[in-house]
């Protein structure tokens, strides 16, 4: 992905998130942010 493509993707995601939050409310990030439960790991 080129830098311009990355920037365009960023703007598209930000716009979609703004529209989503205006309709359904703020998407809250937990504190501290947890993206993966280390106790579960990856399965596959």
Protein backbone atom coordinates (compact mmCIF):
# COMPACT_ATOMS: atom_id res chain seq x y z
CA UNK A 1 0.00 0.00 0.00
CA UNK A 2 1.37 3.37 -0.97
CA UNK A 3 1.34 6.32 1.43
CA UNK A 4 -1.43 8.02 -0.57
CA UNK A 5 -3.54 4.85 -0.46
CA UNK A 6 -2.97 4.58 3.29
CA UNK A 7 -4.05 8.18 3.78
CA UNK A 8 -7.17 7.72 1.64
CA UNK A 9 -8.05 4.58 3.60
CA UNK A 10 -7.56 6.47 6.86
CA UNK A 11 -9.90 9.25 5.72
CA UNK A 12 -12.52 6.75 4.53
CA UNK A 13 -12.42 4.85 7.84
CA UNK A 14 -12.62 8.07 9.85
CA UNK A 15 -15.61 9.25 7.82
CA UNK A 16 -17.40 5.92 8.21
CA UNK A 17 -16.72 5.89 11.96
CA UNK A 18 -18.07 9.43 12.28
CA UNK A 19 -21.27 8.42 10.46
CA UNK A 20 -21.63 5.26 12.57
CA UNK A 21 -21.16 7.14 15.84
CA UNK A 22 -23.63 9.85 14.86
CA UNK A 23 -26.24 7.14 14.33
CA UNK A 24 -25.43 4.68 17.15
CA UNK A 25 -23.34 6.63 19.68
CA UNK A 26 -19.67 6.72 20.54
CA UNK A 27 -17.54 3.61 20.15
CA UNK A 28 -15.71 3.45 23.47
CA UNK A 29 -12.20 2.04 23.76
CA UNK A 30 -11.57 0.23 27.07
CA UNK A 31 -8.86 1.53 29.36
CA UNK A 32 -6.33 0.04 29.00
CA UNK A 33 -7.10 -0.87 25.39
CA UNK A 34 -7.23 -4.64 24.96
CA UNK A 35 -7.08 -5.88 21.40
CA UNK A 36 -6.31 -9.53 22.16
CA UNK A 37 -6.86 -11.62 25.27
CA UNK A 38 -3.41 -13.13 25.91
CA UNK A 39 -4.94 -15.99 27.89
CA UNK A 40 -6.80 -17.18 24.78
CA UNK A 41 -4.10 -16.65 22.18
CA UNK A 42 -4.63 -17.63 18.58
CA UNK A 43 -6.43 -20.80 17.59
CA UNK A 44 -6.55 -22.30 14.20
